[in-house]
Amino acid sequence: MNLRMFLEPTVDLPQLTRYLDELGHSGRVYATQQWGKADQARLYEAAKGYRATSIDDIVSPSTEALREVIHHGKNSLPVFSHFQKRFCRPSDPAVTGKLWGYNHQAMTPVTGPGYFVTRPGTNDGEVDIDYTMVPPEKCAGWPEIIPNSAKLGRFIYEGMVDTLRGISQHVTVGRATIKGKIQDAYFVLVREDPNV
């Protein structure tokens, strides 16, 4: 289903949210992957303060430690625009308010895995994906943890913080900041529930 009708001429977030929540996982992924850069930018601006998002929306508190939760993504780049962000809860129950994760995409052998720490955002109701920190552990099967200054990752991930805003139960929209400078770079994520 093409949900672009809820983006033009103005963004209708309540209707868009309702449809996204009613769609199954594959429908959500298909719909969000039809959105280009202009759509993502408009959604990001419209989503400010719309739906509070926390790390519990990224990985449910009921998910066991070091169990992978996949979010399917599409970014605003002209190439290599499909990717996944994979998240997990830390193994140490004393570590609260953080998730571990990395970027899973076709160029990982060249760019590195782009590890990050997810935490509550600078602004209330938002979540930050912080590439200036790397997690101390990972899920089984994830690539080796390396600093984001390694490989070509230094041109992509080093100094980057992505900010997520909520759209629906499963869908968030984000924008990148690099070394404190807001970028004209956006993406949308769709959380895959464990039973999918």
N, C-alpha and C. Protein backbone atom coordinates (compact mmCIF):
# COMPACT_ATOMS: atom_id res chain seq x y z
N MET A 1 0.84 -1.19 0.00
CA MET A 1 0.00 0.00 0.00
C MET A 1 0.88 1.24 0.00
N ASN A 2 0.56 2.19 -0.85
CA ASN A 2 1.28 3.45 -0.90
C ASN A 2 0.60 4.45 0.02
N LEU A 3 1.29 4.85 1.08
CA LEU A 3 0.70 5.76 2.07
C LEU A 3 1.09 7.21 1.83
N ARG A 4 1.59 7.50 0.63
CA ARG A 4 2.01 8.87 0.34
C ARG A 4 0.84 9.86 0.40
N MET A 5 -0.39 9.34 0.25
CA MET A 5 -1.56 10.22 0.33
C MET A 5 -1.66 10.91 1.68
N PHE A 6 -1.00 10.35 2.72
CA PHE A 6 -1.03 10.98 4.05
C PHE A 6 0.12 11.96 4.25
N LEU A 7 0.92 12.14 3.20
CA LEU A 7 2.05 13.07 3.27
C LEU A 7 1.83 14.34 2.47
N GLU A 8 0.84 14.34 1.59
CA GLU A 8 0.59 15.48 0.70
C GLU A 8 -0.89 15.84 0.70
N PRO A 9 -1.26 17.10 0.64
CA PRO A 9 -0.37 18.27 0.60
C PRO A 9 0.24 18.60 1.97
N THR A 10 -0.35 18.10 3.06
CA THR A 10 0.26 18.24 4.38
C THR A 10 0.34 16.86 5.02
N VAL A 11 1.23 16.71 5.98
CA VAL A 11 1.40 15.42 6.65
C VAL A 11 0.25 15.21 7.63
N ASP A 12 -0.46 14.11 7.46
CA ASP A 12 -1.56 13.74 8.35
C ASP A 12 -1.08 12.58 9.23
N LEU A 13 -0.37 12.93 10.31
CA LEU A 13 0.23 11.90 11.15
C LEU A 13 -0.79 10.99 11.82
N PRO A 14 -1.91 11.50 12.36
CA PRO A 14 -2.86 10.57 12.99
C PRO A 14 -3.37 9.49 12.03
N GLN A 15 -3.70 9.86 10.80
CA GLN A 15 -4.17 8.88 9.82
C GLN A 15 -3.05 7.94 9.41
N LEU A 16 -1.87 8.49 9.21
CA LEU A 16 -0.72 7.67 8.83
C LEU A 16 -0.42 6.65 9.93
N THR A 17 -0.44 7.10 11.17
CA THR A 17 -0.19 6.21 12.30
C THR A 17 -1.20 5.08 12.33
N ARG A 18 -2.47 5.43 12.14
CA ARG A 18 -3.52 4.41 12.18
C ARG A 18 -3.29 3.34 11.11
N TYR A 19 -2.98 3.76 9.90
CA TYR A 19 -2.75 2.79 8.82
C TYR A 19 -1.50 1.95 9.07
N LEU A 20 -0.43 2.58 9.53
CA LEU A 20 0.78 1.82 9.80
C LEU A 20 0.56 0.79 10.89
N ASP A 21 -0.20 1.17 11.92
CA ASP A 21 -0.48 0.23 13.01
C ASP A 21 -1.35 -0.94 12.55
N GLU A 22 -2.20 -0.70 11.55
CA GLU A 22 -3.10 -1.76 11.06
C GLU A 22 -2.42 -2.69 10.05
N LEU A 23 -1.37 -2.20 9.41
CA LEU A 23 -0.65 -3.03 8.44
C LEU A 23 0.17 -4.10 9.16
N GLY A 24 0.42 -5.21 8.49
CA GLY A 24 1.36 -6.20 8.99
C GLY A 24 2.78 -5.73 8.74
N HIS A 25 3.74 -6.50 9.21
CA HIS A 25 5.14 -6.11 9.09
C HIS A 25 5.56 -5.87 7.65
N SER A 26 5.27 -6.81 6.75
CA SER A 26 5.71 -6.65 5.36
C SER A 26 5.06 -5.44 4.71
N GLY A 27 3.81 -5.14 5.07
CA GLY A 27 3.14 -3.95 4.54
C GLY A 27 3.79 -2.67 5.03
N ARG A 28 4.19 -2.64 6.30
CA ARG A 28 4.86 -1.46 6.84
C ARG A 28 6.21 -1.24 6.15
N VAL A 29 6.95 -2.33 5.97
CA VAL A 29 8.26 -2.21 5.32
C VAL A 29 8.08 -1.70 3.89
N TYR A 30 7.15 -2.30 3.16
CA TYR A 30 6.92 -1.87 1.78
C TYR A 30 6.52 -0.39 1.72
N ALA A 31 5.57 0.01 2.55
CA ALA A 31 5.07 1.39 2.52
C ALA A 31 6.17 2.39 2.84
N THR A 32 6.96 2.12 3.86
CA THR A 32 7.99 3.08 4.26
C THR A 32 9.14 3.13 3.26
N GLN A 33 9.36 2.05 2.52
CA GLN A 33 10.45 2.07 1.55
C GLN A 33 10.07 2.79 0.26
N GLN A 34 8.84 3.26 0.18
CA GLN A 34 8.42 4.10 -0.95
C GLN A 34 8.73 5.58 -0.68
N TRP A 35 9.09 5.91 0.56
CA TRP A 35 9.31 7.31 0.92
C TRP A 35 10.73 7.74 0.56
N GLY A 36 10.80 8.83 -0.20
CA GLY A 36 12.09 9.39 -0.58
C GLY A 36 12.55 10.44 0.43
N LYS A 37 13.62 11.11 0.07
CA LYS A 37 14.23 12.08 0.98
C LYS A 37 13.26 13.19 1.39
N ALA A 38 12.53 13.75 0.44
CA ALA A 38 11.59 14.84 0.77
C ALA A 38 10.51 14.35 1.72
N ASP A 39 10.01 13.12 1.49
CA ASP A 39 9.00 12.54 2.37
C ASP A 39 9.56 12.37 3.78
N GLN A 40 10.76 11.82 3.87
CA GLN A 40 11.38 11.57 5.17
C GLN A 40 11.63 12.88 5.92
N ALA A 41 12.08 13.90 5.19
CA ALA A 41 12.34 15.20 5.82
C ALA A 41 11.04 15.80 6.37
N ARG A 42 9.98 15.73 5.59
CA ARG A 42 8.69 16.29 6.04
C ARG A 42 8.15 15.51 7.23
N LEU A 43 8.31 14.20 7.20
CA LEU A 43 7.87 13.37 8.32
C LEU A 43 8.66 13.68 9.59
N TYR A 44 9.96 13.85 9.44
CA TYR A 44 10.79 14.14 10.61
C TYR A 44 10.35 15.44 11.27
N GLU A 45 10.12 16.45 10.48
CA GLU A 45 9.68 17.74 11.04
C GLU A 45 8.29 17.62 11.66
N ALA A 46 7.40 16.93 10.99
CA ALA A 46 6.03 16.78 11.49
C ALA A 46 5.98 15.96 12.78
N ALA A 47 6.92 15.02 12.94
CA ALA A 47 6.91 14.12 14.09
C ALA A 47 7.46 14.74 15.36
N LYS A 48 8.00 15.94 15.29
CA LYS A 48 8.54 16.58 16.49
C LYS A 48 7.43 16.75 17.54
N GLY A 49 7.60 16.10 18.68
CA GLY A 49 6.63 16.19 19.76
C GLY A 49 5.34 15.43 19.54
N TYR A 50 5.26 14.66 18.45
CA TYR A 50 4.01 13.96 18.11
C TYR A 50 3.79 12.72 18.95
N ARG A 51 4.75 11.84 18.97
CA ARG A 51 4.60 10.56 19.68
C ARG A 51 5.89 10.28 20.44
N ALA A 52 5.82 10.34 21.74
CA ALA A 52 7.01 10.10 22.55
C ALA A 52 7.56 8.70 22.28
N THR A 53 8.86 8.63 22.12
CA THR A 53 9.53 7.37 21.84
C THR A 53 10.63 7.17 22.87
N SER A 54 10.79 5.93 23.31
CA SER A 54 11.84 5.61 24.27
C SER A 54 12.58 4.37 23.79
N ILE A 55 13.65 4.00 24.49
CA ILE A 55 14.37 2.80 24.09
C ILE A 55 13.49 1.56 24.22
N ASP A 56 12.45 1.62 25.07
CA ASP A 56 11.53 0.48 25.19
C ASP A 56 10.71 0.28 23.93
N ASP A 57 10.58 1.32 23.10
CA ASP A 57 9.90 1.17 21.80
C ASP A 57 10.85 0.55 20.77
N ILE A 58 12.14 0.68 21.01
CA ILE A 58 13.13 0.14 20.09
C ILE A 58 13.33 -1.36 20.36
N VAL A 59 13.47 -1.69 21.65
CA VAL A 59 13.56 -3.09 22.09
C VAL A 59 12.68 -3.21 23.33
N SER A 60 11.69 -4.06 23.26
CA SER A 60 10.76 -4.23 24.37
C SER A 60 11.50 -4.65 25.65
N PRO A 61 11.07 -4.14 26.81
CA PRO A 61 11.69 -4.55 28.08
C PRO A 61 11.58 -6.04 28.33
N SER A 62 10.62 -6.70 27.69
CA SER A 62 10.45 -8.15 27.89
C SER A 62 11.43 -8.97 27.06
N THR A 63 12.16 -8.32 26.17
CA THR A 63 13.13 -9.03 25.33
C THR A 63 14.35 -9.42 26.16
N GLU A 64 14.76 -10.65 26.07
CA GLU A 64 15.90 -11.10 26.86
C GLU A 64 17.18 -10.40 26.42
N ALA A 65 18.13 -10.33 27.33
CA ALA A 65 19.41 -9.66 27.06
C ALA A 65 20.11 -10.32 25.88
N LEU A 66 20.77 -9.49 25.09
CA LEU A 66 21.55 -9.93 23.93
C LEU A 66 20.74 -10.74 22.93
N ARG A 67 19.44 -10.45 22.86
CA ARG A 67 18.61 -11.02 21.79
C ARG A 67 18.39 -9.93 20.74
N GLU A 68 18.72 -10.22 19.53
CA GLU A 68 18.66 -9.25 18.43
C GLU A 68 17.23 -8.85 18.09
N VAL A 69 17.04 -7.54 17.92
CA VAL A 69 15.79 -6.99 17.40
C VAL A 69 16.15 -6.16 16.17
N ILE A 70 15.57 -6.52 15.04
CA ILE A 70 15.92 -5.89 13.76
C ILE A 70 14.92 -4.78 13.42
N HIS A 71 15.46 -3.64 12.98
CA HIS A 71 14.66 -2.56 12.43
C HIS A 71 15.09 -2.40 10.97
N HIS A 72 14.13 -2.55 10.05
CA HIS A 72 14.40 -2.43 8.62
C HIS A 72 14.38 -0.95 8.25
N GLY A 73 15.42 -0.51 7.53
CA GLY A 73 15.54 0.91 7.26
C GLY A 73 15.68 1.27 5.80
N LYS A 74 15.30 2.51 5.53
CA LYS A 74 15.57 3.12 4.23
C LYS A 74 16.04 4.54 4.51
N ASN A 75 17.20 4.89 3.93
CA ASN A 75 17.71 6.25 4.15
C ASN A 75 17.54 7.10 2.90
N SER A 76 17.96 8.34 3.02
CA SER A 76 17.74 9.30 1.93
C SER A 76 18.91 9.36 0.95
N LEU A 77 19.86 8.44 1.06
CA LEU A 77 20.97 8.43 0.12
C LEU A 77 20.51 7.94 -1.25
N PRO A 78 21.17 8.39 -2.32
CA PRO A 78 20.77 7.95 -3.66
C PRO A 78 21.13 6.49 -3.95
N VAL A 79 22.13 5.94 -3.26
CA VAL A 79 22.51 4.53 -3.43
C VAL A 79 22.70 3.90 -2.05
N PHE A 80 22.67 2.57 -2.02
CA PHE A 80 22.82 1.83 -0.76
C PHE A 80 21.85 2.34 0.30
N SER A 81 20.61 2.54 -0.11
CA SER A 81 19.64 3.16 0.79
C SER A 81 18.90 2.18 1.69
N HIS A 82 19.04 0.88 1.45
CA HIS A 82 18.37 -0.12 2.29
C HIS A 82 19.37 -0.72 3.27
N PHE A 83 18.96 -0.84 4.51
CA PHE A 83 19.85 -1.31 5.56
C PHE A 83 19.00 -1.81 6.71
N GLN A 84 19.66 -2.30 7.73
CA GLN A 84 18.99 -2.66 8.99
C GLN A 84 19.81 -2.08 10.14
N LYS A 85 19.11 -1.63 11.15
CA LYS A 85 19.75 -1.35 12.43
C LYS A 85 19.34 -2.49 13.34
N ARG A 86 20.33 -3.12 13.95
CA ARG A 86 20.07 -4.26 14.82
C ARG A 86 20.43 -3.86 16.25
N PHE A 87 19.50 -4.10 17.15
CA PHE A 87 19.63 -3.66 18.54
C PHE A 87 19.54 -4.84 19.49
N CYS A 88 20.04 -4.64 20.72
CA CYS A 88 19.82 -5.61 21.79
C CYS A 88 19.94 -4.92 23.13
N ARG A 89 19.42 -5.59 24.15
CA ARG A 89 19.56 -5.12 25.52
C ARG A 89 20.89 -5.62 26.08
N PRO A 90 21.53 -4.84 26.96
CA PRO A 90 22.78 -5.28 27.59
C PRO A 90 22.56 -6.51 28.46
N SER A 91 23.63 -7.28 28.66
CA SER A 91 23.53 -8.46 29.52
C SER A 91 23.52 -8.10 31.00
N ASP A 92 24.11 -6.96 31.34
CA ASP A 92 24.18 -6.53 32.74
C ASP A 92 22.91 -5.79 33.11
N PRO A 93 22.07 -6.34 34.01
CA PRO A 93 20.83 -5.66 34.37
C PRO A 93 21.04 -4.32 35.06
N ALA A 94 22.26 -4.08 35.54
CA ALA A 94 22.55 -2.78 36.16
C ALA A 94 22.70 -1.67 35.13
N VAL A 95 22.92 -2.05 33.87
CA VAL A 95 23.02 -1.04 32.79
C VAL A 95 21.62 -0.73 32.32
N THR A 96 21.13 0.45 32.65
CA THR A 96 19.78 0.84 32.28
C THR A 96 19.82 2.04 31.33
N GLY A 97 18.76 2.20 30.56
CA GLY A 97 18.66 3.35 29.67
C GLY A 97 19.56 3.28 28.46
N LYS A 98 20.05 2.09 28.12
CA LYS A 98 20.93 1.96 26.96
C LYS A 98 20.62 0.67 26.21
N LEU A 99 20.86 0.71 24.91
CA LEU A 99 20.82 -0.48 24.06
C LEU A 99 22.12 -0.52 23.27
N TRP A 100 22.52 -1.70 22.85
CA TRP A 100 23.67 -1.86 21.97
C TRP A 100 23.16 -2.10 20.55
N GLY A 101 23.97 -1.75 19.55
CA GLY A 101 23.53 -2.02 18.19
C GLY A 101 24.59 -1.75 17.13
N TYR A 102 24.23 -2.11 15.90
CA TYR A 102 25.10 -1.85 14.76
C TYR A 102 24.26 -1.76 13.49
N ASN A 103 24.88 -1.25 12.42
CA ASN A 103 24.24 -1.15 11.11
C ASN A 103 24.59 -2.37 10.28
N HIS A 104 23.57 -3.03 9.78
CA HIS A 104 23.76 -4.20 8.93
C HIS A 104 23.39 -3.78 7.51
N GLN A 105 24.39 -3.78 6.62
CA GLN A 105 24.13 -3.36 5.24
C GLN A 105 25.19 -3.94 4.32
N ALA A 106 24.95 -3.83 3.03
CA ALA A 106 25.79 -4.50 2.03
C ALA A 106 27.24 -4.04 2.07
N MET A 107 27.50 -2.80 2.46
CA MET A 107 28.87 -2.27 2.42
C MET A 107 29.64 -2.47 3.73
N THR A 108 29.09 -3.24 4.65
CA THR A 108 29.74 -3.45 5.95
C THR A 108 31.21 -3.89 5.83
N PRO A 109 31.57 -4.80 4.90
CA PRO A 109 32.98 -5.19 4.81
C PRO A 109 33.92 -4.02 4.53
N VAL A 110 33.41 -2.99 3.87
CA VAL A 110 34.23 -1.83 3.51
C VAL A 110 34.14 -0.73 4.56
N THR A 111 32.93 -0.48 5.05
CA THR A 111 32.70 0.64 5.97
C THR A 111 32.88 0.28 7.43
N GLY A 112 32.84 -1.03 7.72
CA GLY A 112 32.77 -1.45 9.12
C GLY A 112 31.32 -1.53 9.53
N PRO A 113 31.05 -2.16 10.68
CA PRO A 113 29.67 -2.40 11.08
C PRO A 113 28.94 -1.19 11.66
N GLY A 114 29.64 -0.15 11.99
CA GLY A 114 28.96 1.03 12.52
C GLY A 114 28.25 0.74 13.83
N TYR A 115 29.03 0.33 14.84
CA TYR A 115 28.43 0.06 16.16
C TYR A 115 28.03 1.36 16.84
N PHE A 116 27.02 1.26 17.72
CA PHE A 116 26.49 2.44 18.41
C PHE A 116 25.89 2.04 19.76
N VAL A 117 25.65 3.07 20.57
CA VAL A 117 24.90 2.93 21.82
C VAL A 117 23.65 3.77 21.69
N THR A 118 22.51 3.17 21.98
CA THR A 118 21.23 3.88 21.90
C THR A 118 20.85 4.32 23.30
N ARG A 119 20.38 5.57 23.43
CA ARG A 119 20.07 6.14 24.74
C ARG A 119 18.93 7.14 24.60
N PRO A 120 18.33 7.56 25.72
CA PRO A 120 17.31 8.61 25.63
C PRO A 120 17.89 9.83 24.93
N GLY A 121 17.05 10.49 24.14
CA GLY A 121 17.51 11.62 23.36
C GLY A 121 17.77 12.87 24.17
N THR A 122 18.45 13.80 23.54
CA THR A 122 18.70 15.11 24.16
C THR A 122 17.37 15.80 24.43
N ASN A 123 16.40 15.62 23.52
CA ASN A 123 15.06 16.18 23.70
C ASN A 123 14.12 15.10 24.23
N ASP A 124 13.23 15.49 25.12
CA ASP A 124 12.25 14.54 25.68
C ASP A 124 11.46 13.88 24.56
N GLY A 125 11.18 12.59 24.72
CA GLY A 125 10.36 11.87 23.75
C GLY A 125 11.08 11.45 22.50
N GLU A 126 12.40 11.61 22.47
CA GLU A 126 13.20 11.19 21.34
C GLU A 126 14.27 10.20 21.81
N VAL A 127 14.86 9.49 20.87
CA VAL A 127 15.92 8.52 21.16
C VAL A 127 17.12 8.87 20.30
N ASP A 128 18.30 8.82 20.90
CA ASP A 128 19.54 9.06 20.15
C ASP A 128 20.30 7.77 19.93
N ILE A 129 20.77 7.59 18.72
CA ILE A 129 21.65 6.48 18.35
C ILE A 129 23.03 7.10 18.21
N ASP A 130 23.90 6.80 19.17
CA ASP A 130 25.17 7.52 19.33
C ASP A 130 26.35 6.67 18.87
N TYR A 131 26.92 7.06 17.73
CA TYR A 131 28.07 6.36 17.16
C TYR A 131 29.38 6.83 17.78
N THR A 132 29.34 7.81 18.66
CA THR A 132 30.56 8.24 19.34
C THR A 132 30.94 7.26 20.44
N MET A 133 30.04 6.32 20.74
CA MET A 133 30.29 5.27 21.72
C MET A 133 30.09 3.92 21.05
N VAL A 134 30.87 2.94 21.43
CA VAL A 134 30.65 1.58 20.95
C VAL A 134 30.33 0.70 22.16
N PRO A 135 29.49 -0.31 21.98
CA PRO A 135 29.10 -1.16 23.10
C PRO A 135 30.25 -2.07 23.54
N PRO A 136 30.21 -2.51 24.79
CA PRO A 136 31.25 -3.41 25.29
C PRO A 136 31.01 -4.88 24.94
N GLU A 137 29.84 -5.18 24.37
CA GLU A 137 29.49 -6.56 24.05
C GLU A 137 28.53 -6.56 22.88
N LYS A 138 28.23 -7.75 22.37
CA LYS A 138 27.37 -7.86 21.20
C LYS A 138 26.62 -9.18 21.21
N CYS A 139 25.63 -9.28 20.35
CA CYS A 139 24.91 -10.54 20.17
C CYS A 139 25.80 -11.55 19.45
N ALA A 140 25.56 -12.82 19.70
CA ALA A 140 26.25 -13.87 18.95
C ALA A 140 25.91 -13.69 17.46
N GLY A 141 26.91 -13.82 16.62
CA GLY A 141 26.70 -13.70 15.18
C GLY A 141 26.89 -12.30 14.63
N TRP A 142 26.96 -11.30 15.50
CA TRP A 142 27.23 -9.94 15.03
C TRP A 142 28.71 -9.82 14.67
N PRO A 143 29.04 -8.86 13.80
CA PRO A 143 30.46 -8.68 13.43
C PRO A 143 31.30 -8.25 14.63
N GLU A 144 32.59 -8.37 14.46
CA GLU A 144 33.53 -7.92 15.49
C GLU A 144 33.29 -6.43 15.79
N ILE A 145 33.35 -6.07 17.06
CA ILE A 145 33.21 -4.65 17.44
C ILE A 145 34.53 -3.95 17.14
N ILE A 146 34.46 -2.93 16.29
CA ILE A 146 35.63 -2.11 15.98
C ILE A 146 35.23 -0.66 16.14
N PRO A 147 36.18 0.25 16.39
CA PRO A 147 35.83 1.67 16.51
C PRO A 147 35.33 2.22 15.18
N ASN A 148 34.50 3.23 15.26
CA ASN A 148 33.95 3.83 14.03
C ASN A 148 34.96 4.68 13.29
N SER A 149 36.15 4.82 13.85
CA SER A 149 37.24 5.50 13.15
C SER A 149 37.98 4.54 12.21
N ALA A 150 37.66 3.24 12.28
CA ALA A 150 38.33 2.24 11.45
C ALA A 150 37.69 2.16 10.06
N LYS A 151 38.45 1.62 9.12
CA LYS A 151 37.99 1.43 7.73
C LYS A 151 37.41 2.74 7.19
N LEU A 152 36.46 2.63 6.26
CA LEU A 152 35.82 3.83 5.72
C LEU A 152 34.73 4.36 6.66
N GLY A 153 34.52 3.65 7.77
CA GLY A 153 33.55 4.12 8.76
C GLY A 153 33.87 5.50 9.29
N ARG A 154 35.15 5.88 9.24
CA ARG A 154 35.52 7.21 9.74
C ARG A 154 34.86 8.32 8.92
N PHE A 155 34.48 8.02 7.68
CA PHE A 155 33.81 9.01 6.84
C PHE A 155 32.29 8.95 6.96
N ILE A 156 31.79 7.91 7.62
CA ILE A 156 30.34 7.70 7.70
C ILE A 156 29.82 7.80 9.12
N TYR A 157 30.43 7.03 10.03
CA TYR A 157 29.88 6.90 11.38
C TYR A 157 30.57 7.76 12.44
N GLU A 158 31.85 8.06 12.24
CA GLU A 158 32.60 8.74 13.29
C GLU A 158 31.98 10.10 13.62
N GLY A 159 31.68 10.31 14.88
CA GLY A 159 31.12 11.59 15.33
C GLY A 159 29.63 11.75 15.09
N MET A 160 28.96 10.69 14.64
CA MET A 160 27.54 10.81 14.26
C MET A 160 26.61 10.43 15.42
N VAL A 161 25.50 11.15 15.49
CA VAL A 161 24.39 10.84 16.39
C VAL A 161 23.11 10.96 15.56
N ASP A 162 22.35 9.87 15.51
CA ASP A 162 21.04 9.89 14.84
C ASP A 162 19.97 10.14 15.90
N THR A 163 19.00 10.97 15.57
CA THR A 163 17.88 11.23 16.48
C THR A 163 16.61 10.65 15.89
N LEU A 164 15.92 9.83 16.69
CA LEU A 164 14.69 9.17 16.26
C LEU A 164 13.47 9.85 16.86
N ARG A 165 12.43 9.97 16.04
CA ARG A 165 11.11 10.44 16.47
C ARG A 165 10.06 9.40 16.11
N GLY A 166 9.07 9.23 16.96
CA GLY A 166 8.07 8.20 16.75
C GLY A 166 6.98 8.60 15.79
N ILE A 167 6.55 7.63 14.97
CA ILE A 167 5.42 7.82 14.06
C ILE A 167 4.29 6.86 14.43
N SER A 168 4.64 5.60 14.70
CA SER A 168 3.63 4.59 15.05
C SER A 168 4.26 3.59 16.00
N GLN A 169 3.53 2.52 16.30
CA GLN A 169 4.07 1.51 17.23
C GLN A 169 5.38 0.91 16.74
N HIS A 170 5.52 0.75 15.44
CA HIS A 170 6.69 0.07 14.86
C HIS A 170 7.60 0.99 14.07
N VAL A 171 7.17 2.20 13.76
CA VAL A 171 7.88 3.04 12.80
C VAL A 171 8.42 4.31 13.45
N THR A 172 9.71 4.57 13.18
CA THR A 172 10.34 5.81 13.61
C THR A 172 11.01 6.47 12.40
N VAL A 173 11.25 7.76 12.53
CA VAL A 173 11.95 8.51 11.49
C VAL A 173 13.12 9.21 12.16
N GLY A 174 14.25 9.28 11.45
CA GLY A 174 15.44 9.84 12.05
C GLY A 174 16.17 10.81 11.17
N ARG A 175 17.07 11.56 11.84
CA ARG A 175 17.93 12.51 11.14
C ARG A 175 19.32 12.45 11.76
N ALA A 176 20.34 12.59 10.94
CA ALA A 176 21.72 12.47 11.40
C ALA A 176 22.31 13.84 11.76
N THR A 177 23.15 13.82 12.78
CA THR A 177 24.00 14.95 13.15
C THR A 177 25.42 14.42 13.20
N ILE A 178 26.37 15.14 12.62
CA ILE A 178 27.77 14.72 12.65
C ILE A 178 28.61 15.82 13.27
N LYS A 179 29.27 15.46 14.37
CA LYS A 179 30.12 16.40 15.11
C LYS A 179 29.38 17.69 15.39
N GLY A 180 28.11 17.54 15.81
CA GLY A 180 27.30 18.70 16.21
C GLY A 180 26.62 19.42 15.07
N LYS A 181 26.86 19.04 13.82
CA LYS A 181 26.25 19.70 12.67
C LYS A 181 25.09 18.86 12.14
N ILE A 182 23.91 19.45 12.11
CA ILE A 182 22.73 18.75 11.60
C ILE A 182 22.91 18.50 10.11
N GLN A 183 22.68 17.27 9.68
CA GLN A 183 22.86 16.87 8.29
C GLN A 183 21.53 16.84 7.54
N ASP A 184 21.62 17.00 6.24
CA ASP A 184 20.45 16.86 5.38
C ASP A 184 20.32 15.38 5.00
N ALA A 185 20.25 14.53 6.02
CA ALA A 185 20.24 13.08 5.84
C ALA A 185 19.20 12.48 6.78
N TYR A 186 18.27 11.72 6.20
CA TYR A 186 17.14 11.18 6.95
C TYR A 186 17.02 9.69 6.71
N PHE A 187 16.22 9.03 7.54
CA PHE A 187 15.95 7.61 7.35
C PHE A 187 14.67 7.25 8.11
N VAL A 188 14.11 6.14 7.75
CA VAL A 188 12.93 5.62 8.43
C VAL A 188 13.23 4.17 8.82
N LEU A 189 12.71 3.76 10.00
CA LEU A 189 12.94 2.41 10.52
C LEU A 189 11.62 1.74 10.82
N VAL A 190 11.56 0.43 10.58
CA VAL A 190 10.39 -0.38 10.91
C VAL A 190 10.85 -1.54 11.79
N ARG A 191 10.37 -1.58 13.02
CA ARG A 191 10.76 -2.64 13.94
C ARG A 191 10.12 -3.97 13.56
N GLU A 192 10.92 -4.99 13.57
CA GLU A 192 10.44 -6.34 13.30
C GLU A 192 10.17 -7.01 14.64
N ASP A 193 8.94 -7.42 14.89
CA ASP A 193 8.63 -8.10 16.14
C ASP A 193 9.24 -9.48 16.14
N PRO A 194 9.62 -9.99 17.31
CA PRO A 194 10.31 -11.28 17.37
C PRO A 194 9.57 -12.44 16.72
N ASN A 195 8.23 -12.38 16.69
CA ASN A 195 7.48 -13.50 16.12
C ASN A 195 7.29 -13.39 14.61
N VAL A 196 7.87 -12.37 13.97
CA VAL A 196 7.73 -12.20 12.52
C VAL A 196 8.63 -13.20 11.82
